[in-house]
């Protein structure tokens, strides 16, 4: 998937999203620095836009995606790690987790562990920004989705059926990639936690983050923004 990730999401407007993030950070951040950690950074395209204003670092669980990101941003530090249990021994003014990657933690217990981990890596007055996956009410099982890309040197098709098992959304993404060297088919299975709005709010609050919610967010999925409380501040 790493080899075709950027192709699959070439229509995503990273410059516009980065501009929105800059505005949110300027409005909410109370710490004085400009360091930013992008958790579940993928191929680094948000970071490529944000590095003009922030000293960026990235973290992801996929070595293949990190390799693409490192080629894109040669001078940036990247870390291999699980978003629910990493320790970089540093704090940042901004911690982001975008494009619904938070859903990969799957359970409420790990959601809370993840927000505590984010908070521990945020400076007092710093911000933690999380773009959520769909809530149980927003996700519609039985829907068929497709994506087609037609370029002279590559043809790309992706189809999946939305399913639900308990509190998880299940998607088996069937990819068909055609190039002059051949045609390849592979399946990527995604299991994402369907967390409620209240479960997100509780996870932020339990992590000593003063949270607000923008129902529109960057792409219509909403955005949670938490400000790290100063030591000794009351909950």
Protein backbone atom coordinates (compact mmCIF):
# COMPACT_ATOMS: atom_id res chain seq x y z
CA UNK A 1 0.00 0.00 0.00
CA UNK A 2 2.85 2.40 0.73
CA UNK A 3 3.86 2.44 -2.95
CA UNK A 4 0.43 3.70 -4.07
CA UNK A 5 -0.69 5.60 -0.95
CA UNK A 6 -0.04 9.07 -2.36
CA UNK A 7 -1.70 8.10 -5.64
CA UNK A 8 -4.83 6.92 -3.83
CA UNK A 9 -5.09 10.23 -1.96
CA UNK A 10 -3.80 12.61 -4.64
CA UNK A 11 -7.05 14.61 -4.48
CA UNK A 12 -6.53 15.40 -0.78
CA UNK A 13 -5.87 19.12 -0.37
CA UNK A 14 -2.89 19.10 1.99
CA UNK A 15 -2.05 22.82 1.55
CA UNK A 16 -5.60 23.86 2.52
CA UNK A 17 -5.63 21.51 5.51
CA UNK A 18 -2.23 22.78 6.66
CA UNK A 19 -3.49 26.37 6.43
CA UNK A 20 -6.47 25.45 8.62
CA UNK A 21 -4.17 23.75 11.12
CA UNK A 22 -1.94 26.83 11.32
CA UNK A 23 -4.97 28.96 12.14
CA UNK A 24 -6.20 26.53 14.82
CA UNK A 25 -2.76 26.24 16.40
CA UNK A 26 -2.31 30.03 16.47
CA UNK A 27 -5.70 30.40 18.15
CA UNK A 28 -5.28 27.68 20.76
CA UNK A 29 -1.59 27.21 21.56
CA UNK A 30 -0.28 28.85 24.73
CA UNK A 31 3.27 27.49 24.77
CA UNK A 32 5.98 29.64 23.20
CA UNK A 33 7.79 27.16 20.94
CA UNK A 34 7.17 25.86 17.41
CA UNK A 35 7.93 22.13 17.61
CA UNK A 36 5.40 19.71 16.12
CA UNK A 37 5.08 15.94 16.27
CA UNK A 38 2.82 14.33 13.66
CA UNK A 39 1.68 10.93 14.97
CA UNK A 40 0.65 8.37 12.32
CA UNK A 41 2.38 10.68 9.86
CA UNK A 42 2.08 8.31 6.90
CA UNK A 43 4.05 9.53 3.91
CA UNK A 44 4.65 12.95 5.48
CA UNK A 45 2.56 15.18 3.22
CA UNK A 46 1.02 17.21 6.06
CA UNK A 47 4.52 17.64 7.49
CA UNK A 48 5.84 18.84 4.13
CA UNK A 49 3.34 21.71 4.30
CA UNK A 50 3.79 22.46 8.00
CA UNK A 51 7.59 22.43 8.11
CA UNK A 52 7.69 26.02 6.87
CA UNK A 53 6.30 27.16 10.21
CA UNK A 54 7.24 24.36 12.60
CA UNK A 55 10.21 22.17 13.49
CA UNK A 56 8.51 18.89 12.60
CA UNK A 57 9.07 15.27 13.56
CA UNK A 58 6.97 12.27 12.58
CA UNK A 59 6.00 8.91 14.06
CA UNK A 60 4.34 5.92 12.43
CA UNK A 61 3.99 2.17 12.93
CA UNK A 62 4.64 1.38 9.25
CA UNK A 63 8.28 1.13 8.16
CA UNK A 64 7.17 1.26 4.52
CA UNK A 65 5.26 4.54 4.95
CA UNK A 66 8.12 6.00 7.00
CA UNK A 67 10.54 5.17 4.18
CA UNK A 68 8.41 7.18 1.73
CA UNK A 69 8.18 10.06 4.23
CA UNK A 70 11.94 10.07 4.81
CA UNK A 71 12.60 10.28 1.08
CA UNK A 72 10.24 13.23 0.89
CA UNK A 73 11.72 15.02 3.91
CA UNK A 74 15.39 14.13 4.03
CA UNK A 75 16.33 16.37 6.97
CA UNK A 76 13.36 15.48 9.21
CA UNK A 77 13.55 13.02 12.12
CA UNK A 78 11.10 10.12 11.97
CA UNK A 79 10.32 7.58 14.67
CA UNK A 80 8.97 4.05 14.45
CA UNK A 81 6.37 3.52 17.15
CA UNK A 82 2.88 2.58 18.31
CA UNK A 83 0.77 5.70 18.92
CA UNK A 84 -0.64 4.27 22.15
CA UNK A 85 2.72 3.45 23.74
CA UNK A 86 5.69 5.49 22.56
CA UNK A 87 8.24 7.48 24.55
CA UNK A 88 10.46 9.92 22.70
CA UNK A 89 11.84 11.55 25.83
CA UNK A 90 10.74 14.95 24.55
CA UNK A 91 7.78 17.31 24.57
CA UNK A 92 6.34 19.31 21.68
CA UNK A 93 4.27 22.45 21.30
CA UNK A 94 1.91 20.66 18.92
CA UNK A 95 0.97 16.97 18.63
CA UNK A 96 -1.22 16.03 15.68
CA UNK A 97 -2.93 12.79 14.66
CA UNK A 98 -4.77 13.35 11.40
CA UNK A 99 -6.82 11.69 8.65
CA UNK A 100 -8.72 9.52 11.17
CA UNK A 101 -5.63 7.46 12.05
CA UNK A 102 -6.83 7.43 15.67
CA UNK A 103 -9.34 4.75 14.70
CA UNK A 104 -6.51 2.24 14.41
CA UNK A 105 -6.27 2.00 18.21
CA UNK A 106 -9.58 0.06 18.03
CA UNK A 107 -10.60 0.02 21.73
CA UNK A 108 -11.67 2.66 24.26
CA UNK A 109 -8.93 1.47 26.60
CA UNK A 110 -6.28 2.11 23.94
CA UNK A 111 -7.92 5.39 22.98
CA UNK A 112 -7.40 6.60 26.54
CA UNK A 113 -3.82 5.28 26.59
CA UNK A 114 -3.14 7.06 23.30
CA UNK A 115 -4.40 10.43 24.52
CA UNK A 116 -2.35 10.06 27.71
CA UNK A 117 0.68 9.35 25.53
CA UNK A 118 -0.04 12.39 23.36
CA UNK A 119 -0.49 14.55 26.44
CA UNK A 120 2.76 13.36 27.98
CA UNK A 121 4.54 14.51 24.80
CA UNK A 122 2.88 17.96 24.82
CA UNK A 123 4.34 20.94 26.64
CA UNK A 124 2.14 22.80 29.14
CA UNK A 125 0.06 25.15 27.01
CA UNK A 126 0.73 23.04 23.92
CA UNK A 127 -2.04 21.61 21.75
CA UNK A 128 -3.07 18.07 20.84
CA UNK A 129 -5.12 17.86 17.62
CA UNK A 130 -6.95 14.66 16.66
CA UNK A 131 -9.04 14.11 13.55
CA UNK A 132 -11.52 11.36 14.46
CA UNK A 133 -12.78 8.35 12.58
CA UNK A 134 -16.55 8.01 12.20
CA UNK A 135 -18.78 7.57 15.23
CA UNK A 136 -21.13 4.55 15.36
CA UNK A 137 -23.99 6.77 14.17
CA UNK A 138 -22.05 8.13 11.19
CA UNK A 139 -20.78 4.81 9.83
CA UNK A 140 -23.09 2.96 7.44
CA UNK A 141 -22.50 -0.79 7.04
CA UNK A 142 -23.38 -2.32 3.70
CA UNK A 143 -22.20 0.67 1.66
CA UNK A 144 -20.00 -0.04 -1.37
CA UNK A 145 -17.14 2.41 -2.04
CA UNK A 146 -14.92 2.81 -5.08
CA UNK A 147 -11.97 4.89 -6.23
CA UNK A 148 -10.64 4.97 -9.81
CA UNK A 149 -7.52 6.75 -11.09
CA UNK A 150 -6.59 6.78 -14.76
CA UNK A 151 -3.13 8.02 -15.76
CA UNK A 152 -1.05 7.22 -18.85
CA UNK A 153 1.46 5.06 -16.95
CA UNK A 154 -0.74 3.67 -14.18
CA UNK A 155 -4.34 2.56 -13.69
CA UNK A 156 -5.65 2.24 -10.16
CA UNK A 157 -8.92 0.88 -8.78
CA UNK A 158 -9.99 0.36 -5.17
CA UNK A 159 -13.26 -1.08 -3.92
CA UNK A 160 -14.56 -2.05 -0.52
CA UNK A 161 -17.70 -2.92 1.39
CA UNK A 162 -18.31 -1.31 4.78
CA UNK A 163 -18.94 -3.81 7.59
CA UNK A 164 -19.35 -3.61 11.36
CA UNK A 165 -18.30 -6.10 14.02
CA UNK A 166 -19.19 -4.92 17.53
CA UNK A 167 -17.56 -1.52 18.00
CA UNK A 168 -15.26 -1.92 14.99
CA UNK A 169 -15.66 -0.83 11.40
CA UNK A 170 -14.25 -3.45 9.02
CA UNK A 171 -13.05 -2.64 5.53
CA UNK A 172 -11.36 -5.07 3.16
CA UNK A 173 -9.88 -2.70 0.56
CA UNK A 174 -9.35 -4.49 -2.76
CA UNK A 175 -6.68 -2.75 -4.84
CA UNK A 176 -5.98 -3.34 -8.53
CA UNK A 177 -2.88 -1.60 -9.86
CA UNK A 178 -1.86 -1.74 -13.51
CA UNK A 179 1.48 -0.52 -14.88
CA UNK A 180 3.50 -1.35 -18.01
CA UNK A 181 5.31 -3.99 -15.96
CA UNK A 182 2.15 -5.85 -14.99
CA UNK A 183 -1.08 -5.92 -13.00
CA UNK A 184 -1.16 -6.47 -9.26
CA UNK A 185 -4.05 -7.17 -6.91
CA UNK A 186 -3.82 -6.94 -3.12
CA UNK A 187 -6.18 -6.55 -0.19
CA UNK A 188 -5.65 -4.25 2.80
CA UNK A 189 -7.86 -5.04 5.80
CA UNK A 190 -8.61 -2.12 8.10
CA UNK A 191 -10.24 -2.51 11.50
CA UNK A 192 -11.06 0.88 13.04
CA UNK A 193 -12.65 1.74 16.37
CA UNK A 194 -16.07 3.39 16.18
CA UNK A 195 -15.77 5.69 19.19
CA UNK A 196 -18.58 7.93 20.38
CA UNK A 197 -18.23 11.69 20.71
CA UNK A 198 -18.35 11.33 24.49
CA UNK A 199 -15.60 8.69 24.46
CA UNK A 200 -13.33 11.12 22.59
CA UNK A 201 -14.15 13.94 25.01
CA UNK A 202 -13.52 11.70 28.03
CA UNK A 203 -10.18 10.52 26.65
CA UNK A 204 -8.99 14.12 26.25
CA UNK A 205 -10.26 15.17 29.67
CA UNK A 206 -8.70 12.13 31.38
CA UNK A 207 -5.38 13.09 29.76
CA UNK A 208 -5.41 16.58 31.36
CA UNK A 209 -6.35 18.28 28.09
CA UNK A 210 -8.94 21.06 27.88
CA UNK A 211 -10.84 19.95 24.79
CA UNK A 212 -12.99 21.69 22.22
CA UNK A 213 -14.66 20.11 19.17
CA UNK A 214 -15.12 21.51 15.68
CA UNK A 215 -17.84 19.44 14.00
CA UNK A 216 -16.61 20.25 10.48
CA UNK A 217 -12.85 19.97 10.93
CA UNK A 218 -10.52 19.60 7.97
CA UNK A 219 -12.59 17.31 5.73
CA UNK A 220 -15.99 17.05 7.40
CA UNK A 221 -15.11 14.42 10.01
CA UNK A 222 -14.62 16.91 12.85
CA UNK A 223 -11.57 17.87 14.86
CA UNK A 224 -10.77 17.60 18.56
CA UNK A 225 -8.34 20.18 19.92
CA UNK A 226 -6.94 19.81 23.43
CA UNK A 227 -4.77 22.30 25.30
CA UNK A 228 -2.31 20.79 27.80
CA UNK A 229 -3.00 22.04 31.30
CA UNK A 230 -0.19 23.63 33.28
CA UNK A 231 1.06 21.69 36.27
CA UNK A 232 -1.13 22.29 39.29
CA UNK A 233 -4.09 23.51 37.20
CA UNK A 234 -7.48 22.27 38.34
CA UNK A 235 -9.39 19.82 36.17
